[in-house]
Amino acid sequence: MTLHILGASPSDRTTFESCRDTLMDGDTLLLIEDGVYWALPQHRPELARLPARVKLLKADREARGVELEALAEVDDSGFVELCLENERSVSWF
């Protein structure tokens, strides 16, 4: 299993598409920094089609003033846990 960490905003479709194309069942996609904007309602259909589970970093969501419902969040400790439970991680910026 791989932890994919996406920090690129929706304006950077190329990075998202590169990440999307490598996702596999059992992987996790963690949205951080400007990547949390992918969790906005207009992008949810794209996230719903991904084979990976999607989570976002709570601190980054809060720092950007984004209010969201029904998407799993992790705090800093949860981020560390994701790093430990996955065999590898890939950062997408």
N, C-alpha and C. Protein backbone atom coordinates (compact mmCIF):
# COMPACT_ATOMS: atom_id res chain seq x y z
N MET A 1 0.83 -1.18 0.00
CA MET A 1 0.00 0.00 0.00
C MET A 1 0.88 1.25 0.00
N THR A 2 0.36 2.27 -0.65
CA THR A 2 1.11 3.51 -0.78
C THR A 2 0.28 4.68 -0.26
N LEU A 3 0.94 5.57 0.44
CA LEU A 3 0.33 6.83 0.87
C LEU A 3 0.74 7.88 -0.16
N HIS A 4 -0.24 8.44 -0.85
CA HIS A 4 -0.01 9.51 -1.81
C HIS A 4 -0.38 10.82 -1.12
N ILE A 5 0.53 11.76 -1.10
CA ILE A 5 0.33 13.04 -0.41
C ILE A 5 0.25 14.12 -1.49
N LEU A 6 -0.96 14.67 -1.65
CA LEU A 6 -1.19 15.66 -2.71
C LEU A 6 -1.29 17.05 -2.11
N GLY A 7 -0.37 17.91 -2.50
CA GLY A 7 -0.36 19.29 -2.01
C GLY A 7 -0.68 20.30 -3.10
N ALA A 8 -0.94 19.82 -4.32
CA ALA A 8 -1.22 20.71 -5.44
C ALA A 8 -2.70 21.08 -5.48
N SER A 9 -2.98 22.32 -5.79
CA SER A 9 -4.36 22.82 -5.85
C SER A 9 -5.05 22.34 -7.13
N PRO A 10 -6.38 22.48 -7.20
CA PRO A 10 -7.10 22.09 -8.41
C PRO A 10 -6.68 22.84 -9.67
N SER A 11 -6.03 23.97 -9.53
CA SER A 11 -5.55 24.68 -10.72
C SER A 11 -4.39 23.93 -11.39
N ASP A 12 -3.81 22.97 -10.68
CA ASP A 12 -2.72 22.15 -11.21
C ASP A 12 -3.26 20.76 -11.54
N ARG A 13 -4.03 20.67 -12.60
CA ARG A 13 -4.66 19.41 -12.99
C ARG A 13 -3.63 18.35 -13.38
N THR A 14 -2.51 18.77 -13.94
CA THR A 14 -1.50 17.82 -14.39
C THR A 14 -0.98 16.99 -13.22
N THR A 15 -0.69 17.64 -12.11
CA THR A 15 -0.19 16.92 -10.95
C THR A 15 -1.26 15.97 -10.41
N PHE A 16 -2.51 16.44 -10.33
CA PHE A 16 -3.60 15.58 -9.87
C PHE A 16 -3.75 14.37 -10.79
N GLU A 17 -3.74 14.59 -12.09
CA GLU A 17 -3.91 13.48 -13.04
C GLU A 17 -2.76 12.49 -12.95
N SER A 18 -1.55 12.96 -12.77
CA SER A 18 -0.40 12.06 -12.61
C SER A 18 -0.58 11.21 -11.36
N CYS A 19 -1.00 11.84 -10.28
CA CYS A 19 -1.25 11.12 -9.04
C CYS A 19 -2.38 10.12 -9.24
N ARG A 20 -3.49 10.58 -9.78
CA ARG A 20 -4.67 9.73 -10.00
C ARG A 20 -4.31 8.48 -10.79
N ASP A 21 -3.47 8.63 -11.80
CA ASP A 21 -3.14 7.51 -12.68
C ASP A 21 -2.29 6.44 -12.00
N THR A 22 -1.71 6.75 -10.86
CA THR A 22 -0.89 5.76 -10.15
C THR A 22 -1.60 5.14 -8.96
N LEU A 23 -2.77 5.65 -8.59
CA LEU A 23 -3.50 5.13 -7.43
C LEU A 23 -4.00 3.71 -7.68
N MET A 24 -3.92 2.90 -6.62
CA MET A 24 -4.39 1.51 -6.69
C MET A 24 -5.30 1.23 -5.51
N ASP A 25 -6.07 0.16 -5.61
CA ASP A 25 -6.89 -0.27 -4.48
C ASP A 25 -6.00 -0.47 -3.27
N GLY A 26 -6.45 0.00 -2.12
CA GLY A 26 -5.68 -0.14 -0.90
C GLY A 26 -4.79 1.05 -0.60
N ASP A 27 -4.57 1.92 -1.58
CA ASP A 27 -3.77 3.13 -1.36
C ASP A 27 -4.59 4.17 -0.61
N THR A 28 -3.90 5.15 -0.07
CA THR A 28 -4.55 6.29 0.57
C THR A 28 -4.06 7.56 -0.09
N LEU A 29 -4.98 8.48 -0.37
CA LEU A 29 -4.65 9.80 -0.87
C LEU A 29 -4.91 10.79 0.25
N LEU A 30 -3.85 11.46 0.68
CA LEU A 30 -3.97 12.47 1.73
C LEU A 30 -3.83 13.85 1.09
N LEU A 31 -4.86 14.67 1.25
CA LEU A 31 -4.86 16.03 0.72
C LEU A 31 -4.29 16.96 1.77
N ILE A 32 -3.23 17.67 1.42
CA ILE A 32 -2.59 18.61 2.33
C ILE A 32 -2.42 19.96 1.62
N GLU A 33 -2.03 20.97 2.38
CA GLU A 33 -1.77 22.31 1.86
C GLU A 33 -2.90 22.72 0.92
N ASP A 34 -2.60 23.23 -0.28
CA ASP A 34 -3.66 23.65 -1.21
C ASP A 34 -4.39 22.46 -1.81
N GLY A 35 -3.89 21.27 -1.60
CA GLY A 35 -4.58 20.07 -2.06
C GLY A 35 -5.92 19.86 -1.39
N VAL A 36 -6.13 20.48 -0.21
CA VAL A 36 -7.43 20.33 0.46
C VAL A 36 -8.56 20.91 -0.38
N TYR A 37 -8.26 21.81 -1.30
CA TYR A 37 -9.31 22.37 -2.16
C TYR A 37 -9.93 21.33 -3.09
N TRP A 38 -9.23 20.21 -3.30
CA TRP A 38 -9.82 19.12 -4.08
C TRP A 38 -11.04 18.54 -3.38
N ALA A 39 -11.18 18.76 -2.09
CA ALA A 39 -12.31 18.21 -1.34
C ALA A 39 -13.56 19.09 -1.43
N LEU A 40 -13.47 20.22 -2.12
CA LEU A 40 -14.64 21.07 -2.29
C LEU A 40 -15.69 20.35 -3.15
N PRO A 41 -16.94 20.70 -2.96
CA PRO A 41 -18.03 19.96 -3.64
C PRO A 41 -17.86 19.81 -5.15
N GLN A 42 -17.34 20.81 -5.84
CA GLN A 42 -17.22 20.71 -7.30
C GLN A 42 -16.20 19.66 -7.75
N HIS A 43 -15.32 19.24 -6.85
CA HIS A 43 -14.31 18.23 -7.19
C HIS A 43 -14.63 16.86 -6.60
N ARG A 44 -15.65 16.77 -5.78
CA ARG A 44 -15.98 15.50 -5.13
C ARG A 44 -16.25 14.36 -6.10
N PRO A 45 -16.93 14.61 -7.25
CA PRO A 45 -17.14 13.48 -8.18
C PRO A 45 -15.83 12.84 -8.63
N GLU A 46 -14.80 13.65 -8.85
CA GLU A 46 -13.50 13.10 -9.25
C GLU A 46 -12.90 12.26 -8.13
N LEU A 47 -13.01 12.75 -6.91
CA LEU A 47 -12.47 11.99 -5.77
C LEU A 47 -13.23 10.69 -5.57
N ALA A 48 -14.54 10.72 -5.81
CA ALA A 48 -15.37 9.52 -5.61
C ALA A 48 -15.00 8.40 -6.57
N ARG A 49 -14.43 8.73 -7.71
CA ARG A 49 -14.06 7.71 -8.70
C ARG A 49 -12.68 7.10 -8.45
N LEU A 50 -11.95 7.62 -7.48
CA LEU A 50 -10.60 7.13 -7.21
C LEU A 50 -10.66 5.78 -6.52
N PRO A 51 -9.70 4.90 -6.82
CA PRO A 51 -9.68 3.59 -6.15
C PRO A 51 -9.13 3.66 -4.72
N ALA A 52 -8.54 4.78 -4.35
CA ALA A 52 -7.91 4.93 -3.03
C ALA A 52 -8.88 5.58 -2.06
N ARG A 53 -8.62 5.37 -0.76
CA ARG A 53 -9.38 6.12 0.23
C ARG A 53 -8.78 7.51 0.31
N VAL A 54 -9.66 8.49 0.52
CA VAL A 54 -9.23 9.89 0.50
C VAL A 54 -9.41 10.49 1.90
N LYS A 55 -8.38 11.15 2.37
CA LYS A 55 -8.41 11.84 3.65
C LYS A 55 -7.79 13.22 3.46
N LEU A 56 -8.04 14.11 4.40
CA LEU A 56 -7.38 15.40 4.33
C LEU A 56 -6.83 15.80 5.68
N LEU A 57 -5.83 16.65 5.64
CA LEU A 57 -5.17 17.11 6.86
C LEU A 57 -5.98 18.25 7.45
N LYS A 58 -6.49 18.01 8.63
CA LYS A 58 -7.40 18.96 9.29
C LYS A 58 -6.78 20.35 9.45
N ALA A 59 -5.55 20.42 9.86
CA ALA A 59 -4.90 21.72 10.09
C ALA A 59 -4.84 22.55 8.81
N ASP A 60 -4.57 21.90 7.68
CA ASP A 60 -4.51 22.63 6.42
C ASP A 60 -5.89 23.07 5.97
N ARG A 61 -6.90 22.25 6.20
CA ARG A 61 -8.27 22.64 5.88
C ARG A 61 -8.67 23.86 6.71
N GLU A 62 -8.40 23.80 8.00
CA GLU A 62 -8.75 24.91 8.89
C GLU A 62 -7.97 26.18 8.53
N ALA A 63 -6.69 26.04 8.19
CA ALA A 63 -5.87 27.20 7.84
C ALA A 63 -6.38 27.92 6.60
N ARG A 64 -7.06 27.18 5.74
CA ARG A 64 -7.59 27.78 4.52
C ARG A 64 -9.06 28.17 4.65
N GLY A 65 -9.63 27.96 5.83
CA GLY A 65 -11.02 28.36 6.08
C GLY A 65 -12.03 27.56 5.29
N VAL A 66 -11.68 26.34 4.91
CA VAL A 66 -12.57 25.49 4.13
C VAL A 66 -13.45 24.68 5.08
N GLU A 67 -14.75 24.79 4.89
CA GLU A 67 -15.70 24.00 5.69
C GLU A 67 -16.21 22.86 4.83
N LEU A 68 -16.02 21.64 5.29
CA LEU A 68 -16.42 20.46 4.53
C LEU A 68 -17.15 19.48 5.42
N GLU A 69 -17.96 18.66 4.80
CA GLU A 69 -18.64 17.59 5.51
C GLU A 69 -18.34 16.26 4.84
N ALA A 70 -18.42 15.21 5.62
CA ALA A 70 -18.39 13.84 5.11
C ALA A 70 -17.10 13.41 4.42
N LEU A 71 -15.98 14.00 4.79
CA LEU A 71 -14.71 13.53 4.28
C LEU A 71 -13.80 13.30 5.48
N ALA A 72 -13.13 12.17 5.48
CA ALA A 72 -12.30 11.81 6.62
C ALA A 72 -11.12 12.77 6.77
N GLU A 73 -10.90 13.20 7.98
CA GLU A 73 -9.78 14.08 8.29
C GLU A 73 -8.81 13.38 9.23
N VAL A 74 -7.56 13.79 9.17
CA VAL A 74 -6.58 13.34 10.13
C VAL A 74 -5.87 14.56 10.70
N ASP A 75 -5.45 14.44 11.95
CA ASP A 75 -4.62 15.48 12.55
C ASP A 75 -3.16 15.10 12.32
N ASP A 76 -2.25 15.82 12.94
CA ASP A 76 -0.82 15.52 12.72
C ASP A 76 -0.46 14.11 13.16
N SER A 77 -1.04 13.65 14.26
CA SER A 77 -0.77 12.28 14.72
C SER A 77 -1.29 11.26 13.72
N GLY A 78 -2.46 11.55 13.15
CA GLY A 78 -3.03 10.66 12.13
C GLY A 78 -2.17 10.61 10.88
N PHE A 79 -1.55 11.74 10.54
CA PHE A 79 -0.63 11.80 9.41
C PHE A 79 0.54 10.86 9.66
N VAL A 80 1.09 10.92 10.85
CA VAL A 80 2.20 10.04 11.20
C VAL A 80 1.76 8.58 11.12
N GLU A 81 0.57 8.27 11.64
CA GLU A 81 0.06 6.90 11.58
C GLU A 81 -0.07 6.42 10.14
N LEU A 82 -0.57 7.28 9.24
CA LEU A 82 -0.68 6.90 7.83
C LEU A 82 0.70 6.58 7.25
N CYS A 83 1.70 7.37 7.61
CA CYS A 83 3.06 7.13 7.13
C CYS A 83 3.58 5.77 7.61
N LEU A 84 3.24 5.43 8.85
CA LEU A 84 3.73 4.18 9.42
C LEU A 84 2.99 2.95 8.89
N GLU A 85 1.71 3.09 8.59
CA GLU A 85 0.93 1.92 8.17
C GLU A 85 1.05 1.63 6.68
N ASN A 86 1.61 2.53 5.92
CA ASN A 86 1.81 2.30 4.48
C ASN A 86 3.26 1.94 4.22
N GLU A 87 3.47 1.09 3.23
CA GLU A 87 4.82 0.62 2.90
C GLU A 87 5.71 1.74 2.34
N ARG A 88 5.09 2.67 1.65
CA ARG A 88 5.84 3.76 1.04
C ARG A 88 4.94 4.98 0.91
N SER A 89 5.54 6.11 0.64
CA SER A 89 4.77 7.33 0.40
C SER A 89 5.34 8.05 -0.81
N VAL A 90 4.44 8.75 -1.49
CA VAL A 90 4.81 9.53 -2.67
C VAL A 90 4.19 10.91 -2.49
N SER A 91 4.98 11.94 -2.66
CA SER A 91 4.48 13.32 -2.53
C SER A 91 4.26 13.91 -3.91
N TRP A 92 3.12 14.56 -4.07
CA TRP A 92 2.73 15.18 -5.34
C TRP A 92 2.55 16.68 -5.09
N PHE A 93 3.44 17.50 -5.65
CA PHE A 93 3.37 18.95 -5.48
C PHE A 93 3.50 19.64 -6.81
